[in-house]
Amino acid sequence: MNPIIQMLKEENVSEEKINELFEALTENPLMAMGIIQQLGIPPEKLQAIMGVVMTQPNLIQEAVEELGLDFSKVEAAKAKLKEGL
C-alpha cells in the first residue's frame, strides 16, 4: 500500500475521503488543501505526511494510480498551479 494512503488510514481517514482528496489533487490542488484541513489530522501527523509528499513526490503518482484516478490530470493541475505563481 502507498505510504501516503497508509498514513491517512492510520489517522482514520475513510476511503471515501482519501479518494476525494486525491481527486481534488488531480483537479485543483488548492481545493485539496481545504480538504486536508477538514480531515482533523493532528498538526504533527500532517507535517509528517507533508514531509513524505515533499521528499518523495513520486508517491502522489503511485497513490493516484493505486486509487484508479487519472494521473494526467495531476500534471495538468501542477501546470495550472505554476501559472498562478
PDB file of N, CA and C in Angstrom:
ATOM      1  N   MET A   1       0.846  -1.181   0.000  1.00  0.00           N
ATOM      2  CA  MET A   1       0.000   0.000   0.000  1.00  0.00           C
ATOM      3  C   MET A   1       0.891   1.244   0.000  1.00  0.00           C
ATOM      4  N   ASN A   2       0.443   2.245  -0.706  1.00  0.00           N
ATOM      5  CA  ASN A   2       1.146   3.506  -0.788  1.00  0.00           C
ATOM      6  C   ASN A   2       1.286   4.114   0.620  1.00  0.00           C
ATOM      7  N   PRO A   3       2.497   4.614   0.974  1.00  0.00           N
ATOM      8  CA  PRO A   3       2.698   5.149   2.324  1.00  0.00           C
ATOM      9  C   PRO A   3       1.800   6.341   2.665  1.00  0.00           C
ATOM     10  N   ILE A   4       1.474   7.170   1.689  1.00  0.00           N
ATOM     11  CA  ILE A   4       0.593   8.313   1.956  1.00  0.00           C
ATOM     12  C   ILE A   4      -0.802   7.812   2.313  1.00  0.00           C
ATOM     13  N   ILE A   5      -1.306   6.883   1.530  1.00  0.00           N
ATOM     14  CA  ILE A   5      -2.623   6.309   1.803  1.00  0.00           C
ATOM     15  C   ILE A   5      -2.610   5.606   3.154  1.00  0.00           C
ATOM     16  N   GLN A   6      -1.530   4.882   3.435  1.00  0.00           N
ATOM     17  CA  GLN A   6      -1.412   4.163   4.704  1.00  0.00           C
ATOM     18  C   GLN A   6      -1.435   5.140   5.880  1.00  0.00           C
ATOM     19  N   MET A   7      -0.699   6.253   5.771  1.00  0.00           N
ATOM     20  CA  MET A   7      -0.668   7.237   6.854  1.00  0.00           C
ATOM     21  C   MET A   7      -2.057   7.848   7.068  1.00  0.00           C
ATOM     22  N   LEU A   8      -2.767   8.107   5.976  1.00  0.00           N
ATOM     23  CA  LEU A   8      -4.114   8.667   6.095  1.00  0.00           C
ATOM     24  C   LEU A   8      -5.054   7.671   6.775  1.00  0.00           C
ATOM     25  N   LYS A   9      -4.930   6.396   6.402  1.00  0.00           N
ATOM     26  CA  LYS A   9      -5.782   5.371   7.018  1.00  0.00           C
ATOM     27  C   LYS A   9      -5.467   5.221   8.506  1.00  0.00           C
ATOM     28  N   GLU A  10      -4.202   5.358   8.870  1.00  0.00           N
ATOM     29  CA  GLU A  10      -3.816   5.277  10.279  1.00  0.00           C
ATOM     30  C   GLU A  10      -4.453   6.419  11.085  1.00  0.00           C
ATOM     31  N   GLU A  11      -4.773   7.503  10.404  1.00  0.00           N
ATOM     32  CA  GLU A  11      -5.435   8.640  11.053  1.00  0.00           C
ATOM     33  C   GLU A  11      -6.959   8.534  10.931  1.00  0.00           C
ATOM     34  N   ASN A  12      -7.421   7.327  10.596  1.00  0.00           N
ATOM     35  CA  ASN A  12      -8.862   7.041  10.475  1.00  0.00           C
ATOM     36  C   ASN A  12      -9.570   7.866   9.410  1.00  0.00           C
ATOM     37  N   VAL A  13      -8.846   8.182   8.332  1.00  0.00           N
ATOM     38  CA  VAL A  13      -9.461   8.868   7.200  1.00  0.00           C
ATOM     39  C   VAL A  13     -10.121   7.790   6.344  1.00  0.00           C
ATOM     40  N   SER A  14     -11.386   7.989   6.032  1.00  0.00           N
ATOM     41  CA  SER A  14     -12.143   6.987   5.281  1.00  0.00           C
ATOM     42  C   SER A  14     -11.655   6.881   3.837  1.00  0.00           C
ATOM     43  N   GLU A  15     -11.939   5.717   3.231  1.00  0.00           N
ATOM     44  CA  GLU A  15     -11.609   5.506   1.813  1.00  0.00           C
ATOM     45  C   GLU A  15     -12.229   6.612   0.961  1.00  0.00           C
ATOM     46  N   GLU A  16     -13.464   6.966   1.309  1.00  0.00           N
ATOM     47  CA  GLU A  16     -14.189   7.998   0.561  1.00  0.00           C
ATOM     48  C   GLU A  16     -13.441   9.330   0.610  1.00  0.00           C
ATOM     49  N   LYS A  17     -12.970   9.719   1.798  1.00  0.00           N
ATOM     50  CA  LYS A  17     -12.242  10.986   1.954  1.00  0.00           C
ATOM     51  C   LYS A  17     -10.884  10.930   1.265  1.00  0.00           C
ATOM     52  N   ILE A  18     -10.226   9.762   1.306  1.00  0.00           N
ATOM     53  CA  ILE A  18      -8.941   9.610   0.631  1.00  0.00           C
ATOM     54  C   ILE A  18      -9.139   9.789  -0.870  1.00  0.00           C
ATOM     55  N   ASN A  19     -10.168   9.144  -1.423  1.00  0.00           N
ATOM     56  CA  ASN A  19     -10.464   9.310  -2.850  1.00  0.00           C
ATOM     57  C   ASN A  19     -10.787  10.753  -3.173  1.00  0.00           C
ATOM     58  N   GLU A  20     -11.587  11.397  -2.318  1.00  0.00           N
ATOM     59  CA  GLU A  20     -11.963  12.797  -2.534  1.00  0.00           C
ATOM     60  C   GLU A  20     -10.716  13.684  -2.531  1.00  0.00           C
ATOM     61  N   LEU A  21      -9.815  13.426  -1.605  1.00  0.00           N
ATOM     62  CA  LEU A  21      -8.586  14.206  -1.506  1.00  0.00           C
ATOM     63  C   LEU A  21      -7.736  14.076  -2.764  1.00  0.00           C
ATOM     64  N   PHE A  22      -7.505  12.840  -3.200  1.00  0.00           N
ATOM     65  CA  PHE A  22      -6.655  12.650  -4.372  1.00  0.00           C
ATOM     66  C   PHE A  22      -7.343  13.100  -5.655  1.00  0.00           C
ATOM     67  N   GLU A  23      -8.667  13.010  -5.707  1.00  0.00           N
ATOM     68  CA  GLU A  23      -9.393  13.549  -6.845  1.00  0.00           C
ATOM     69  C   GLU A  23      -9.221  15.061  -6.899  1.00  0.00           C
ATOM     70  N   ALA A  24      -9.308  15.707  -5.739  1.00  0.00           N
ATOM     71  CA  ALA A  24      -9.107  17.157  -5.675  1.00  0.00           C
ATOM     72  C   ALA A  24      -7.673  17.503  -6.087  1.00  0.00           C
ATOM     73  N   LEU A  25      -6.718  16.689  -5.652  1.00  0.00           N
ATOM     74  CA  LEU A  25      -5.333  16.928  -6.055  1.00  0.00           C
ATOM     75  C   LEU A  25      -5.172  16.887  -7.567  1.00  0.00           C
ATOM     76  N   THR A  26      -5.921  15.999  -8.213  1.00  0.00           N
ATOM     77  CA  THR A  26      -5.788  15.884  -9.667  1.00  0.00           C
ATOM     78  C   THR A  26      -6.481  17.021 -10.398  1.00  0.00           C
ATOM     79  N   GLU A  27      -7.465  17.650  -9.763  1.00  0.00           N
ATOM     80  CA  GLU A  27      -8.231  18.690 -10.439  1.00  0.00           C
ATOM     81  C   GLU A  27      -7.867  20.095  -9.977  1.00  0.00           C
ATOM     82  N   ASN A  28      -7.674  20.269  -8.683  1.00  0.00           N
ATOM     83  CA  ASN A  28      -7.435  21.597  -8.141  1.00  0.00           C
ATOM     84  C   ASN A  28      -6.657  21.467  -6.831  1.00  0.00           C
ATOM     85  N   PRO A  29      -5.323  21.574  -6.891  1.00  0.00           N
ATOM     86  CA  PRO A  29      -4.511  21.391  -5.680  1.00  0.00           C
ATOM     87  C   PRO A  29      -4.890  22.330  -4.535  1.00  0.00           C
ATOM     88  N   LEU A  30      -5.338  23.526  -4.851  1.00  0.00           N
ATOM     89  CA  LEU A  30      -5.723  24.459  -3.788  1.00  0.00           C
ATOM     90  C   LEU A  30      -6.960  23.956  -3.050  1.00  0.00           C
ATOM     91  N   MET A  31      -7.884  23.351  -3.777  1.00  0.00           N
ATOM     92  CA  MET A  31      -9.069  22.770  -3.151  1.00  0.00           C
ATOM     93  C   MET A  31      -8.656  21.604  -2.240  1.00  0.00           C
ATOM     94  N   ALA A  32      -7.649  20.871  -2.663  1.00  0.00           N
ATOM     95  CA  ALA A  32      -7.165  19.739  -1.865  1.00  0.00           C
ATOM     96  C   ALA A  32      -6.663  20.214  -0.508  1.00  0.00           C
ATOM     97  N   MET A  33      -6.060  21.388  -0.463  1.00  0.00           N
ATOM     98  CA  MET A  33      -5.578  21.912   0.815  1.00  0.00           C
ATOM     99  C   MET A  33      -6.741  22.118   1.784  1.00  0.00           C
ATOM    100  N   GLY A  34      -7.863  22.595   1.279  1.00  0.00           N
ATOM    101  CA  GLY A  34      -9.040  22.767   2.120  1.00  0.00           C
ATOM    102  C   GLY A  34      -9.547  21.442   2.657  1.00  0.00           C
ATOM    103  N   ILE A  35      -9.533  20.422   1.815  1.00  0.00           N
ATOM    104  CA  ILE A  35      -9.980  19.092   2.234  1.00  0.00           C
ATOM    105  C   ILE A  35      -9.054  18.544   3.313  1.00  0.00           C
ATOM    106  N   ILE A  36      -7.741  18.726   3.115  1.00  0.00           N
ATOM    107  CA  ILE A  36      -6.765  18.237   4.100  1.00  0.00           C
ATOM    108  C   ILE A  36      -7.045  18.852   5.465  1.00  0.00           C
ATOM    109  N   GLN A  37      -7.344  20.144   5.484  1.00  0.00           N
ATOM    110  CA  GLN A  37      -7.597  20.826   6.758  1.00  0.00           C
ATOM    111  C   GLN A  37      -8.851  20.295   7.440  1.00  0.00           C
ATOM    112  N   GLN A  38      -9.821  19.817   6.681  1.00  0.00           N
ATOM    113  CA  GLN A  38     -11.072  19.313   7.243  1.00  0.00           C
ATOM    114  C   GLN A  38     -10.957  17.883   7.777  1.00  0.00           C
ATOM    115  N   LEU A  39      -9.857  17.207   7.508  1.00  0.00           N
ATOM    116  CA  LEU A  39      -9.716  15.806   7.912  1.00  0.00           C
ATOM    117  C   LEU A  39      -9.457  15.644   9.409  1.00  0.00           C
ATOM    118  N   GLY A  40      -9.075  16.716  10.082  1.00  0.00           N
ATOM    119  CA  GLY A  40      -8.854  16.633  11.522  1.00  0.00           C
ATOM    120  C   GLY A  40      -7.589  15.890  11.917  1.00  0.00           C
ATOM    121  N   ILE A  41      -6.611  15.882  11.042  1.00  0.00           N
ATOM    122  CA  ILE A  41      -5.340  15.216  11.341  1.00  0.00           C
ATOM    123  C   ILE A  41      -4.526  16.143  12.244  1.00  0.00           C
ATOM    124  N   PRO A  42      -3.990  15.625  13.359  1.00  0.00           N
ATOM    125  CA  PRO A  42      -3.168  16.463  14.238  1.00  0.00           C
ATOM    126  C   PRO A  42      -2.002  17.087  13.461  1.00  0.00           C
ATOM    127  N   PRO A  43      -1.652  18.329  13.780  1.00  0.00           N
ATOM    128  CA  PRO A  43      -0.602  19.036  13.024  1.00  0.00           C
ATOM    129  C   PRO A  43       0.704  18.271  12.876  1.00  0.00           C
ATOM    130  N   GLU A  44       1.134  17.573  13.927  1.00  0.00           N
ATOM    131  CA  GLU A  44       2.404  16.844  13.825  1.00  0.00           C
ATOM    132  C   GLU A  44       2.314  15.680  12.835  1.00  0.00           C
ATOM    133  N   LYS A  45       1.154  15.033  12.768  1.00  0.00           N
ATOM    134  CA  LYS A  45       0.960  13.935  11.816  1.00  0.00           C
ATOM    135  C   LYS A  45       0.853  14.490  10.397  1.00  0.00           C
ATOM    136  N   LEU A  46       0.145  15.615  10.262  1.00  0.00           N
ATOM    137  CA  LEU A  46       0.002  16.241   8.954  1.00  0.00           C
ATOM    138  C   LEU A  46       1.368  16.676   8.434  1.00  0.00           C
ATOM    139  N   GLN A  47       2.198  17.196   9.328  1.00  0.00           N
ATOM    140  CA  GLN A  47       3.543  17.603   8.948  1.00  0.00           C
ATOM    141  C   GLN A  47       4.347  16.398   8.455  1.00  0.00           C
ATOM    142  N   ALA A  48       4.177  15.262   9.102  1.00  0.00           N
ATOM    143  CA  ALA A  48       4.888  14.039   8.688  1.00  0.00           C
ATOM    144  C   ALA A  48       4.430  13.609   7.295  1.00  0.00           C
ATOM    145  N   ILE A  49       3.123  13.666   7.051  1.00  0.00           N
ATOM    146  CA  ILE A  49       2.592  13.291   5.736  1.00  0.00           C
ATOM    147  C   ILE A  49       3.119  14.242   4.671  1.00  0.00           C
ATOM    148  N   MET A  50       3.092  15.553   4.972  1.00  0.00           N
ATOM    149  CA  MET A  50       3.578  16.536   4.005  1.00  0.00           C
ATOM    150  C   MET A  50       5.070  16.356   3.745  1.00  0.00           C
ATOM    151  N   GLY A  51       5.817  15.968   4.775  1.00  0.00           N
ATOM    152  CA  GLY A  51       7.244  15.704   4.603  1.00  0.00           C
ATOM    153  C   GLY A  51       7.490  14.567   3.631  1.00  0.00           C
ATOM    154  N   VAL A  52       6.688  13.524   3.746  1.00  0.00           N
ATOM    155  CA  VAL A  52       6.802  12.387   2.823  1.00  0.00           C
ATOM    156  C   VAL A  52       6.471  12.843   1.396  1.00  0.00           C
ATOM    157  N   VAL A  53       5.410  13.626   1.260  1.00  0.00           N
ATOM    158  CA  VAL A  53       4.999  14.112  -0.067  1.00  0.00           C
ATOM    159  C   VAL A  53       6.100  14.971  -0.683  1.00  0.00           C
ATOM    160  N   MET A  54       6.695  15.859   0.136  1.00  0.00           N
ATOM    161  CA  MET A  54       7.712  16.774  -0.385  1.00  0.00           C
ATOM    162  C   MET A  54       9.002  16.052  -0.766  1.00  0.00           C
ATOM    163  N   THR A  55       9.377  15.031   0.002  1.00  0.00           N
ATOM    164  CA  THR A  55      10.634  14.343  -0.267  1.00  0.00           C
ATOM    165  C   THR A  55      10.485  13.223  -1.291  1.00  0.00           C
ATOM    166  N   GLN A  56       9.253  12.740  -1.473  1.00  0.00           N
ATOM    167  CA  GLN A  56       9.013  11.644  -2.422  1.00  0.00           C
ATOM    168  C   GLN A  56       7.765  11.940  -3.260  1.00  0.00           C
ATOM    169  N   PRO A  57       7.832  12.984  -4.096  1.00  0.00           N
ATOM    170  CA  PRO A  57       6.635  13.365  -4.863  1.00  0.00           C
ATOM    171  C   PRO A  57       6.105  12.258  -5.777  1.00  0.00           C
ATOM    172  N   ASN A  58       6.955  11.297  -6.113  1.00  0.00           N
ATOM    173  CA  ASN A  58       6.503  10.182  -6.944  1.00  0.00           C
ATOM    174  C   ASN A  58       5.406   9.369  -6.259  1.00  0.00           C
ATOM    175  N   LEU A  59       5.336   9.465  -4.921  1.00  0.00           N
ATOM    176  CA  LEU A  59       4.306   8.729  -4.186  1.00  0.00           C
ATOM    177  C   LEU A  59       2.906   9.240  -4.508  1.00  0.00           C
ATOM    178  N   ILE A  60       2.802  10.516  -4.900  1.00  0.00           N
ATOM    179  CA  ILE A  60       1.487  11.040  -5.291  1.00  0.00           C
ATOM    180  C   ILE A  60       1.009  10.298  -6.531  1.00  0.00           C
ATOM    181  N   GLN A  61       1.906  10.149  -7.513  1.00  0.00           N
ATOM    182  CA  GLN A  61       1.540   9.420  -8.727  1.00  0.00           C
ATOM    183  C   GLN A  61       1.154   7.986  -8.388  1.00  0.00           C
ATOM    184  N   GLU A  62       1.929   7.341  -7.528  1.00  0.00           N
ATOM    185  CA  GLU A  62       1.624   5.960  -7.151  1.00  0.00           C
ATOM    186  C   GLU A  62       0.262   5.862  -6.465  1.00  0.00           C
ATOM    187  N   ALA A  63      -0.028   6.821  -5.582  1.00  0.00           N
ATOM    188  CA  ALA A  63      -1.315   6.813  -4.874  1.00  0.00           C
ATOM    189  C   ALA A  63      -2.469   7.028  -5.841  1.00  0.00           C
ATOM    190  N   VAL A  64      -2.293   7.961  -6.762  1.00  0.00           N
ATOM    191  CA  VAL A  64      -3.339   8.241  -7.754  1.00  0.00           C
ATOM    192  C   VAL A  64      -3.611   6.993  -8.584  1.00  0.00           C
ATOM    193  N   GLU A  65      -2.535   6.319  -8.997  1.00  0.00           N
ATOM    194  CA  GLU A  65      -2.702   5.095  -9.791  1.00  0.00           C
ATOM    195  C   GLU A  65      -3.338   3.988  -8.952  1.00  0.00           C
ATOM    196  N   GLU A  66      -2.924   3.876  -7.685  1.00  0.00           N
ATOM    197  CA  GLU A  66      -3.480   2.846  -6.799  1.00  0.00           C
ATOM    198  C   GLU A  66      -4.984   3.055  -6.611  1.00  0.00           C
ATOM    199  N   LEU A  67      -5.405   4.316  -6.593  1.00  0.00           N
ATOM    200  CA  LEU A  67      -6.821   4.634  -6.417  1.00  0.00           C
ATOM    201  C   LEU A  67      -7.591   4.594  -7.733  1.00  0.00           C
ATOM    202  N   GLY A  68      -6.873   4.379  -8.839  1.00  0.00           N
ATOM    203  CA  GLY A  68      -7.529   4.274 -10.142  1.00  0.00           C
ATOM    204  C   GLY A  68      -7.932   5.614 -10.742  1.00  0.00           C
ATOM    205  N   LEU A  69      -7.219   6.684 -10.359  1.00  0.00           N
ATOM    206  CA  LEU A  69      -7.521   8.002 -10.893  1.00  0.00           C
ATOM    207  C   LEU A  69      -6.610   8.304 -12.081  1.00  0.00           C
ATOM    208  N   ASP A  70      -6.874   9.395 -12.766  1.00  0.00           N
ATOM    209  CA  ASP A  70      -6.140   9.767 -13.976  1.00  0.00           C
ATOM    210  C   ASP A  70      -4.968  10.676 -13.619  1.00  0.00           C
ATOM    211  N   PHE A  71      -3.733  10.170 -13.748  1.00  0.00           N
ATOM    212  CA  PHE A  71      -2.563  10.955 -13.366  1.00  0.00           C
ATOM    213  C   PHE A  71      -2.326  12.128 -14.297  1.00  0.00           C
ATOM    214  N   SER A  72      -2.779  12.066 -15.531  1.00  0.00           N
ATOM    215  CA  SER A  72      -2.561  13.195 -16.449  1.00  0.00           C
ATOM    216  C   SER A  72      -3.229  14.453 -15.904  1.00  0.00           C
ATOM    217  N   LYS A  73      -4.292  14.281 -15.118  1.00  0.00           N
ATOM    218  CA  LYS A  73      -4.950  15.435 -14.503  1.00  0.00           C
ATOM    219  C   LYS A  73      -4.053  16.062 -13.438  1.00  0.00           C
ATOM    220  N   VAL A  74      -3.231  15.248 -12.766  1.00  0.00           N
ATOM    221  CA  VAL A  74      -2.293  15.777 -11.780  1.00  0.00           C
ATOM    222  C   VAL A  74      -1.289  16.681 -12.479  1.00  0.00           C
ATOM    223  N   GLU A  75      -0.774  16.223 -13.601  1.00  0.00           N
ATOM    224  CA  GLU A  75       0.195  17.025 -14.357  1.00  0.00           C
ATOM    225  C   GLU A  75      -0.428  18.333 -14.824  1.00  0.00           C
ATOM    226  N   ALA A  76      -1.671  18.283 -15.291  1.00  0.00           N
ATOM    227  CA  ALA A  76      -2.363  19.496 -15.728  1.00  0.00           C
ATOM    228  C   ALA A  76      -2.572  20.443 -14.549  1.00  0.00           C
ATOM    229  N   ALA A  77      -2.921  19.899 -13.392  1.00  0.00           N
ATOM    230  CA  ALA A  77      -3.125  20.726 -12.196  1.00  0.00           C
ATOM    231  C   ALA A  77      -1.826  21.384 -11.763  1.00  0.00           C
ATOM    232  N   LYS A  78      -0.708  20.641 -11.854  1.00  0.00           N
ATOM    233  CA  LYS A  78       0.581  21.225 -11.482  1.00  0.00           C
ATOM    234  C   LYS A  78       0.918  22.377 -12.422  1.00  0.00           C
ATOM    235  N   ALA A  79       0.647  22.222 -13.694  1.00  0.00           N
ATOM    236  CA  ALA A  79       0.902  23.278 -14.661  1.00  0.00           C
ATOM    237  C   ALA A  79       0.075  24.519 -14.345  1.00  0.00           C
ATOM    238  N   LYS A  80      -1.188  24.319 -14.011  1.00  0.00           N
ATOM    239  CA  LYS A  80      -2.071  25.439 -13.646  1.00  0.00           C
ATOM    240  C   LYS A  80      -1.548  26.153 -12.415  1.00  0.00           C
ATOM    241  N   LEU A  81      -1.076  25.380 -11.444  1.00  0.00           N
ATOM    242  CA  LEU A  81      -0.573  25.949 -10.203  1.00  0.00           C
ATOM    243  C   LEU A  81       0.665  26.807 -10.490  1.00  0.00           C
ATOM    244  N   LYS A  82       1.552  26.319 -11.345  1.00  0.00           N
ATOM    245  CA  LYS A  82       2.762  27.072 -11.686  1.00  0.00           C
ATOM    246  C   LYS A  82       2.410  28.368 -12.412  1.00  0.00           C
ATOM    247  N   GLU A  83       1.381  28.330 -13.265  1.00  0.00           N
ATOM    248  CA  GLU A  83       0.946  29.538 -13.989  1.00  0.00           C
ATOM    249  C   GLU A  83       0.478  30.604 -13.015  1.00  0.00           C
ATOM    250  N   GLY A  84      -0.179  30.161 -11.946  1.00  0.00           N
ATOM    251  CA  GLY A  84      -0.746  31.093 -10.977  1.00  0.00           C
ATOM    252  C   GLY A  84       0.289  31.724 -10.065  1.00  0.00           C
ATOM    253  N   LEU A  85       1.486  31.152  -9.996  1.00  0.00           N
ATOM    254  CA  LEU A  85       2.514  31.679  -9.085  1.00  0.00           C
ATOM    255  C   LEU A  85       3.276  32.825  -9.671  1.00  0.00           C
TER     256      LEU A  85
END
